[in-house]
Amino acid sequence: MNGPFTLRDMTLDDCRRVSEIRIRGWRTAYRGLIPQSYLDALDIDADTARRRARFAPDAGDVVNLVAELDGEVIGWSAHGPYRDGEVRTEDAELYALYVAPELIGTGVGRALLAESARRCVARGHRRMFLWVLKENARARRFYERAGLRAGGAEETFETDGVAVPEVRYSGVLPLPG
């Protein structure tokens, strides 16, 4: 499916569908990696409310993109300045990339990543970073095929009493993939 979908800037009206895709993505990709109790407790209405509250199309720092097919949002990515603690750097960070689970492997994720990378280059960013769950082999393969590499940095967050490790990936822009 490398063709019929389009990419565009996200609007406030897209927030609910983006929340649905994000939560379905978590429940699909993170099953067995994050406690099921946490995944089961994810709430689309609460996620939508949080997303709407912090959505600002003209904020400049964070760019939200969606992929759309026949009028329906089927994927979402968000990128902006790399966050080194509370400091924003000259590098870019891919904060999120989710595709409707039934459309994984159809080119939607590749297109969202490529457009995010293109926009980062246009803003003068020379590198892109992102964090991936250490045990998420499918996502790691996806980013590695796009030219990003794990760089040794790891962080752990806790969810429902379980430590969940993440690894940091980076790549020089523009990405080769």
C-alpha atoms as a PDB file:
ATOM      1  CA  MET A   1       0.000   0.000   0.000  1.00  0.00           C
ATOM      2  CA  ASN A   2       2.557   2.597  -1.005  1.00  0.00           C
ATOM      3  CA  GLY A   3       0.144   4.910  -2.689  1.00  0.00           C
ATOM      4  CA  PRO A   4      -3.462   5.692  -1.938  1.00  0.00           C
ATOM      5  CA  PHE A   5      -2.929   7.196   1.509  1.00  0.00           C
ATOM      6  CA  THR A   6      -1.946  10.812   2.009  1.00  0.00           C
ATOM      7  CA  LEU A   7       0.135  12.529   4.674  1.00  0.00           C
ATOM      8  CA  ARG A   8      -0.895  15.816   6.246  1.00  0.00           C
ATOM      9  CA  ASP A   9      -0.581  17.887   9.389  1.00  0.00           C
ATOM     10  CA  MET A  10      -2.754  16.663  12.222  1.00  0.00           C
ATOM     11  CA  THR A  11      -5.749  18.772  13.264  1.00  0.00           C
ATOM     12  CA  LEU A  12      -7.642  18.987  16.534  1.00  0.00           C
ATOM     13  CA  ASP A  13     -10.399  16.894  14.944  1.00  0.00           C
ATOM     14  CA  ASP A  14      -7.914  14.015  14.525  1.00  0.00           C
ATOM     15  CA  CYS A  15      -7.166  13.689  18.253  1.00  0.00           C
ATOM     16  CA  ARG A  16      -9.664  10.932  19.022  1.00  0.00           C
ATOM     17  CA  ARG A  17      -8.611   8.760  16.070  1.00  0.00           C
ATOM     18  CA  VAL A  18      -4.930   9.281  16.922  1.00  0.00           C
ATOM     19  CA  SER A  19      -5.679   8.171  20.504  1.00  0.00           C
ATOM     20  CA  GLU A  20      -7.463   5.079  19.192  1.00  0.00           C
ATOM     21  CA  ILE A  21      -4.500   4.181  16.967  1.00  0.00           C
ATOM     22  CA  ARG A  22      -1.989   4.852  19.767  1.00  0.00           C
ATOM     23  CA  ILE A  23      -3.826   2.704  22.309  1.00  0.00           C
ATOM     24  CA  ARG A  24      -4.471  -0.122  19.830  1.00  0.00           C
ATOM     25  CA  GLY A  25      -0.800   0.118  18.898  1.00  0.00           C
ATOM     26  CA  TRP A  26       0.280  -0.187  22.524  1.00  0.00           C
ATOM     27  CA  ARG A  27      -2.066  -3.117  23.152  1.00  0.00           C
ATOM     28  CA  THR A  28      -0.778  -4.907  20.057  1.00  0.00           C
ATOM     29  CA  ALA A  29       2.946  -4.119  20.062  1.00  0.00           C
ATOM     30  CA  TYR A  30       3.549  -4.112  23.802  1.00  0.00           C
ATOM     31  CA  ARG A  31       1.608  -7.243  24.768  1.00  0.00           C
ATOM     32  CA  GLY A  32       3.989  -9.251  26.918  1.00  0.00           C
ATOM     33  CA  LEU A  33       6.422  -6.319  27.189  1.00  0.00           C
ATOM     34  CA  ILE A  34       4.361  -4.062  29.464  1.00  0.00           C
ATOM     35  CA  PRO A  35       2.060  -5.388  32.206  1.00  0.00           C
ATOM     36  CA  GLN A  36      -1.317  -6.377  30.787  1.00  0.00           C
ATOM     37  CA  SER A  37      -3.013  -4.551  33.663  1.00  0.00           C
ATOM     38  CA  TYR A  38      -1.556  -1.283  32.358  1.00  0.00           C
ATOM     39  CA  LEU A  39      -2.536  -2.012  28.755  1.00  0.00           C
ATOM     40  CA  ASP A  40      -6.075  -2.950  29.803  1.00  0.00           C
ATOM     41  CA  ALA A  41      -6.425   0.304  31.757  1.00  0.00           C
ATOM     42  CA  LEU A  42      -5.553   2.548  28.798  1.00  0.00           C
ATOM     43  CA  ASP A  43      -8.565   4.760  28.159  1.00  0.00           C
ATOM     44  CA  ILE A  44      -9.305   6.324  24.773  1.00  0.00           C
ATOM     45  CA  ASP A  45     -11.460   9.116  26.219  1.00  0.00           C
ATOM     46  CA  ALA A  46      -8.782  10.131  28.748  1.00  0.00           C
ATOM     47  CA  ASP A  47      -6.026   9.925  26.137  1.00  0.00           C
ATOM     48  CA  THR A  48      -8.101  12.034  23.725  1.00  0.00           C
ATOM     49  CA  ALA A  49      -8.716  14.667  26.398  1.00  0.00           C
ATOM     50  CA  ARG A  50      -4.968  14.882  27.189  1.00  0.00           C
ATOM     51  CA  ARG A  51      -4.095  15.053  23.499  1.00  0.00           C
ATOM     52  CA  ARG A  52      -6.627  17.835  22.847  1.00  0.00           C
ATOM     53  CA  ALA A  53      -5.441  19.799  25.883  1.00  0.00           C
ATOM     54  CA  ARG A  54      -1.854  19.918  24.671  1.00  0.00           C
ATOM     55  CA  PHE A  55      -2.521  20.093  20.939  1.00  0.00           C
ATOM     56  CA  ALA A  56      -1.343  23.344  19.413  1.00  0.00           C
ATOM     57  CA  PRO A  57      -1.068  23.311  15.625  1.00  0.00           C
ATOM     58  CA  ASP A  58       1.075  26.456  15.571  1.00  0.00           C
ATOM     59  CA  ALA A  59       3.332  25.628  18.528  1.00  0.00           C
ATOM     60  CA  GLY A  60       6.267  25.115  16.177  1.00  0.00           C
ATOM     61  CA  ASP A  61       8.226  22.771  18.414  1.00  0.00           C
ATOM     62  CA  VAL A  62       6.182  19.590  18.000  1.00  0.00           C
ATOM     63  CA  VAL A  63       4.977  18.518  14.569  1.00  0.00           C
ATOM     64  CA  ASN A  64       2.127  16.009  14.438  1.00  0.00           C
ATOM     65  CA  LEU A  65       1.486  14.253  11.118  1.00  0.00           C
ATOM     66  CA  VAL A  66      -1.225  11.811  10.140  1.00  0.00           C
ATOM     67  CA  ALA A  67      -1.619   9.345   7.312  1.00  0.00           C
ATOM     68  CA  GLU A  68      -5.111   9.251   5.886  1.00  0.00           C
ATOM     69  CA  LEU A  69      -6.870   6.754   3.629  1.00  0.00           C
ATOM     70  CA  ASP A  70     -10.349   7.396   2.238  1.00  0.00           C
ATOM     71  CA  GLY A  71     -10.955  10.095   4.850  1.00  0.00           C
ATOM     72  CA  GLU A  72      -9.839   7.971   7.823  1.00  0.00           C
ATOM     73  CA  VAL A  73      -6.676   8.520   9.830  1.00  0.00           C
ATOM     74  CA  ILE A  74      -4.611   5.324   9.705  1.00  0.00           C
ATOM     75  CA  GLY A  75      -1.302   6.447  11.222  1.00  0.00           C
ATOM     76  CA  TRP A  76       0.333   9.179  13.272  1.00  0.00           C
ATOM     77  CA  SER A  77       3.807  10.470  13.976  1.00  0.00           C
ATOM     78  CA  ALA A  78       5.121  13.287  16.143  1.00  0.00           C
ATOM     79  CA  HIS A  79       8.575  14.844  16.140  1.00  0.00           C
ATOM     80  CA  GLY A  80      10.367  17.899  17.433  1.00  0.00           C
ATOM     81  CA  PRO A  81      13.552  18.950  19.221  1.00  0.00           C
ATOM     82  CA  TYR A  82      15.481  16.221  21.020  1.00  0.00           C
ATOM     83  CA  ARG A  83      14.796  16.262  24.747  1.00  0.00           C
ATOM     84  CA  ASP A  84      17.919  15.792  26.838  1.00  0.00           C
ATOM     85  CA  GLY A  85      16.204  15.911  30.206  1.00  0.00           C
ATOM     86  CA  GLU A  86      14.546  19.325  30.296  1.00  0.00           C
ATOM     87  CA  VAL A  87      16.873  20.776  27.650  1.00  0.00           C
ATOM     88  CA  ARG A  88      15.906  20.928  23.969  1.00  0.00           C
ATOM     89  CA  THR A  89      18.893  20.403  21.666  1.00  0.00           C
ATOM     90  CA  GLU A  90      19.665  21.153  18.023  1.00  0.00           C
ATOM     91  CA  ASP A  91      18.915  17.527  17.167  1.00  0.00           C
ATOM     92  CA  ALA A  92      15.486  16.118  16.332  1.00  0.00           C
ATOM     93  CA  GLU A  93      13.529  13.433  18.145  1.00  0.00           C
ATOM     94  CA  LEU A  94      10.818  11.181  16.803  1.00  0.00           C
ATOM     95  CA  TYR A  95       8.451  11.165  19.776  1.00  0.00           C
ATOM     96  CA  ALA A  96       5.904   8.718  18.393  1.00  0.00           C
ATOM     97  CA  LEU A  97       5.013   6.693  15.322  1.00  0.00           C
ATOM     98  CA  TYR A  98       1.937   4.475  15.279  1.00  0.00           C
ATOM     99  CA  VAL A  99       0.020   2.793  12.476  1.00  0.00           C
ATOM    100  CA  ALA A 100      -3.341   1.038  12.724  1.00  0.00           C
ATOM    101  CA  PRO A 101      -2.217  -2.521  13.616  1.00  0.00           C
ATOM    102  CA  GLU A 102      -3.942  -4.102  10.608  1.00  0.00           C
ATOM    103  CA  LEU A 103      -1.918  -1.821   8.304  1.00  0.00           C
ATOM    104  CA  ILE A 104       1.542  -2.508   9.719  1.00  0.00           C
ATOM    105  CA  GLY A 105       3.886  -3.490   6.899  1.00  0.00           C
ATOM    106  CA  THR A 106       1.981  -1.587   4.199  1.00  0.00           C
ATOM    107  CA  GLY A 107       4.326   1.395   3.898  1.00  0.00           C
ATOM    108  CA  VAL A 108       2.357   3.809   6.085  1.00  0.00           C
ATOM    109  CA  GLY A 109       4.980   3.806   8.855  1.00  0.00           C
ATOM    110  CA  ARG A 110       7.835   4.213   6.370  1.00  0.00           C
ATOM    111  CA  ALA A 111       6.061   7.170   4.766  1.00  0.00           C
ATOM    112  CA  LEU A 112       5.417   8.858   8.130  1.00  0.00           C
ATOM    113  CA  LEU A 113       9.032   8.360   9.198  1.00  0.00           C
ATOM    114  CA  ALA A 114      10.341   9.667   5.865  1.00  0.00           C
ATOM    115  CA  GLU A 115       8.137  12.763   6.056  1.00  0.00           C
ATOM    116  CA  SER A 116       9.153  13.437   9.662  1.00  0.00           C
ATOM    117  CA  ALA A 117      12.815  13.108   8.677  1.00  0.00           C
ATOM    118  CA  ARG A 118      12.311  15.369   5.649  1.00  0.00           C
ATOM    119  CA  ARG A 119      10.736  18.057   7.813  1.00  0.00           C
ATOM    120  CA  CYS A 120      13.530  17.755  10.364  1.00  0.00           C
ATOM    121  CA  VAL A 121      16.106  18.305   7.617  1.00  0.00           C
ATOM    122  CA  ALA A 122      14.131  21.344   6.420  1.00  0.00           C
ATOM    123  CA  ARG A 123      14.385  22.792   9.945  1.00  0.00           C
ATOM    124  CA  GLY A 124      18.140  22.320   9.962  1.00  0.00           C
ATOM    125  CA  HIS A 125      18.356  19.265  12.229  1.00  0.00           C
ATOM    126  CA  ARG A 126      21.349  17.058  11.486  1.00  0.00           C
ATOM    127  CA  ARG A 127      20.487  14.014  13.619  1.00  0.00           C
ATOM    128  CA  MET A 128      17.325  12.239  14.728  1.00  0.00           C
ATOM    129  CA  PHE A 129      16.902  10.308  17.958  1.00  0.00           C
ATOM    130  CA  LEU A 130      14.099   8.089  19.231  1.00  0.00           C
ATOM    131  CA  TRP A 131      13.456   5.670  22.066  1.00  0.00           C
ATOM    132  CA  VAL A 132      12.234   2.097  21.495  1.00  0.00           C
ATOM    133  CA  LEU A 133      11.274  -0.587  24.001  1.00  0.00           C
ATOM    134  CA  LYS A 134      14.306  -2.831  24.244  1.00  0.00           C
ATOM    135  CA  GLU A 135      12.275  -5.988  23.677  1.00  0.00           C
ATOM    136  CA  ASN A 136      10.210  -4.595  20.775  1.00  0.00           C
ATOM    137  CA  ALA A 137      12.036  -6.513  18.052  1.00  0.00           C
ATOM    138  CA  ARG A 138       9.604  -5.568  15.280  1.00  0.00           C
ATOM    139  CA  ALA A 139       9.997  -1.815  15.893  1.00  0.00           C
ATOM    140  CA  ARG A 140      13.753  -2.142  16.234  1.00  0.00           C
ATOM    141  CA  ARG A 141      13.971  -3.907  12.838  1.00  0.00           C
ATOM    142  CA  PHE A 142      11.768  -1.193  11.304  1.00  0.00           C
ATOM    143  CA  TYR A 143      14.028   1.626  12.512  1.00  0.00           C
ATOM    144  CA  GLU A 144      17.206  -0.249  11.606  1.00  0.00           C
ATOM    145  CA  ARG A 145      15.947  -0.754   8.031  1.00  0.00           C
ATOM    146  CA  ALA A 146      15.388   3.017   7.904  1.00  0.00           C
ATOM    147  CA  GLY A 147      19.035   3.655   8.798  1.00  0.00           C
ATOM    148  CA  LEU A 148      18.752   4.320  12.528  1.00  0.00           C
ATOM    149  CA  ARG A 149      21.005   2.501  14.987  1.00  0.00           C
ATOM    150  CA  ALA A 150      20.962   1.743  18.700  1.00  0.00           C
ATOM    151  CA  GLY A 151      23.658   3.841  20.315  1.00  0.00           C
ATOM    152  CA  GLY A 152      24.094   2.200  23.698  1.00  0.00           C
ATOM    153  CA  ALA A 153      21.997   4.609  25.780  1.00  0.00           C
ATOM    154  CA  GLU A 154      19.258   2.951  27.788  1.00  0.00           C
ATOM    155  CA  GLU A 155      16.568   4.219  30.125  1.00  0.00           C
ATOM    156  CA  THR A 156      14.029   2.375  32.181  1.00  0.00           C
ATOM    157  CA  PHE A 157      10.558   3.477  33.172  1.00  0.00           C
ATOM    158  CA  GLU A 158       8.258   1.728  35.602  1.00  0.00           C
ATOM    159  CA  THR A 159       4.756   0.612  34.751  1.00  0.00           C
ATOM    160  CA  ASP A 160       2.547  -1.143  37.307  1.00  0.00           C
ATOM    161  CA  GLY A 161       5.649  -2.064  39.309  1.00  0.00           C
ATOM    162  CA  VAL A 162       7.548  -3.507  36.351  1.00  0.00           C
ATOM    163  CA  ALA A 163      10.747  -1.971  34.969  1.00  0.00           C
ATOM    164  CA  VAL A 164      10.501  -1.486  31.203  1.00  0.00           C
ATOM    165  CA  PRO A 165      13.820  -0.771  29.441  1.00  0.00           C
ATOM    166  CA  GLU A 166      14.118   1.428  26.364  1.00  0.00           C
ATOM    167  CA  VAL A 167      17.072   1.885  24.026  1.00  0.00           C
ATOM    168  CA  ARG A 168      17.931   5.075  22.177  1.00  0.00           C
ATOM    169  CA  TYR A 169      18.313   4.982  18.421  1.00  0.00           C
ATOM    170  CA  SER A 170      19.856   7.701  16.290  1.00  0.00           C
ATOM    171  CA  GLY A 171      20.628   8.467  12.691  1.00  0.00           C
ATOM    172  CA  VAL A 172      22.238  11.177  10.621  1.00  0.00           C
ATOM    173  CA  LEU A 173      19.740  13.173   8.558  1.00  0.00           C
ATOM    174  CA  PRO A 174      18.688  12.769   5.882  1.00  0.00           C
ATOM    175  CA  LEU A 175      17.979   9.117   6.583  1.00  0.00           C
ATOM    176  CA  PRO A 176      19.183   6.720   3.887  1.00  0.00           C
ATOM    177  CA  GLY A 177      16.024   4.606   3.978  1.00  0.00           C
END
